[in-house]
Amino acid sequence: MVRVKLSGPLKSAAGGRDELEVEASTIHQMLTQLGQDHPALKPIIESGVAVAIDGQIYRGDWFQPIPPGSEVFILPRLTGG
């Protein structure tokens, strides 16, 4: 089980929850399961997110394994310029 921390629009889309648990072993599985379990998160995830695992940010390596007990954050895409 992976504990995922959310903030900003992700937290709002999750009904104000700042942490969710999901069964996953890779970033791809985690994002897919979060979208299925919490449909309001799906469009935000699909528009682009980064995932931080124990302080390392991943932006496209969706098959990166998530080690047990890791600290995982999903970061929404930043807009503006």
Protein backbone atom coordinates (compact mmCIF):
# COMPACT_ATOMS: atom_id res chain seq x y z
CA MET A 1 0.00 0.00 0.00
CA VAL A 2 1.34 3.43 -0.99
CA ARG A 3 0.48 6.58 0.95
CA VAL A 4 0.26 9.52 -1.43
CA LYS A 5 0.32 13.12 -0.27
CA LEU A 6 -1.68 15.70 -2.23
CA SER A 7 -1.83 19.48 -2.30
CA GLY A 8 -3.46 22.31 -4.23
CA PRO A 9 -5.95 21.26 -6.92
CA LEU A 10 -5.24 17.59 -6.27
CA LYS A 11 -6.30 17.96 -2.64
CA SER A 12 -9.46 19.81 -3.71
CA ALA A 13 -10.31 17.11 -6.27
CA ALA A 14 -9.90 14.48 -3.54
CA GLY A 15 -12.59 16.13 -1.44
CA GLY A 16 -10.12 18.03 0.72
CA ARG A 17 -8.11 14.97 1.68
CA ASP A 18 -4.38 15.60 1.73
CA GLU A 19 -3.40 11.93 1.82
CA LEU A 20 -4.73 8.83 0.05
CA GLU A 21 -3.72 5.18 0.10
CA VAL A 22 -3.54 3.05 -3.01
CA GLU A 23 -2.30 -0.42 -3.89
CA ALA A 24 0.51 0.02 -6.44
CA SER A 25 4.11 -0.94 -7.08
CA THR A 26 4.97 1.59 -9.82
CA ILE A 27 4.17 5.23 -10.51
CA HIS A 28 1.96 4.22 -13.47
CA GLN A 29 -0.08 1.80 -11.34
CA MET A 30 -0.44 4.43 -8.63
CA LEU A 31 -1.68 7.15 -11.00
CA THR A 32 -4.05 4.74 -12.79
CA GLN A 33 -5.53 3.48 -9.53
CA LEU A 34 -5.92 6.99 -8.11
CA GLY A 35 -7.83 8.01 -11.24
CA GLN A 36 -10.11 4.99 -10.91
CA ASP A 37 -10.68 5.38 -7.17
CA HIS A 38 -11.12 9.17 -7.31
CA PRO A 39 -12.52 10.17 -10.73
CA ALA A 40 -12.16 13.91 -10.02
CA LEU A 41 -8.38 13.40 -9.89
CA LYS A 42 -8.21 11.78 -13.33
CA PRO A 43 -8.33 14.97 -15.47
CA ILE A 44 -5.65 16.62 -13.32
CA ILE A 45 -3.43 13.55 -13.54
CA GLU A 46 -3.98 13.34 -17.30
CA SER A 47 -3.08 17.02 -17.77
CA GLY A 48 0.34 16.29 -16.33
CA VAL A 49 1.80 15.77 -12.90
CA ALA A 50 5.18 15.06 -11.39
CA VAL A 51 5.69 12.46 -8.69
CA ALA A 52 8.23 12.79 -5.91
CA ILE A 53 9.42 9.60 -4.22
CA ASP A 54 11.63 10.17 -1.20
CA GLY A 55 12.61 13.60 -2.54
CA GLN A 56 13.43 12.47 -6.11
CA ILE A 57 11.10 14.00 -8.73
CA TYR A 58 9.91 11.86 -11.66
CA ARG A 59 8.20 13.49 -14.63
CA GLY A 60 7.96 10.69 -17.16
CA ASP A 61 9.46 7.52 -15.74
CA TRP A 62 6.03 6.03 -14.99
CA PHE A 63 7.38 2.50 -14.56
CA GLN A 64 9.65 3.57 -11.71
CA PRO A 65 9.10 1.21 -8.77
CA ILE A 66 7.81 2.67 -5.51
CA PRO A 67 9.75 1.12 -2.62
CA PRO A 68 7.68 0.11 0.42
CA GLY A 69 7.48 2.83 3.05
CA SER A 70 8.43 5.61 0.63
CA GLU A 71 7.26 9.19 1.03
CA VAL A 72 5.25 9.94 -2.13
CA PHE A 73 3.92 13.31 -3.29
CA ILE A 74 2.00 14.12 -6.46
CA LEU A 75 2.75 17.60 -7.74
CA PRO A 76 0.34 19.30 -10.14
CA ARG A 77 1.63 20.91 -13.31
CA LEU A 78 2.64 24.51 -12.71
CA THR A 79 1.18 27.02 -15.13
CA GLY A 80 2.19 30.53 -15.94
CA GLY A 81 5.34 32.02 -17.20
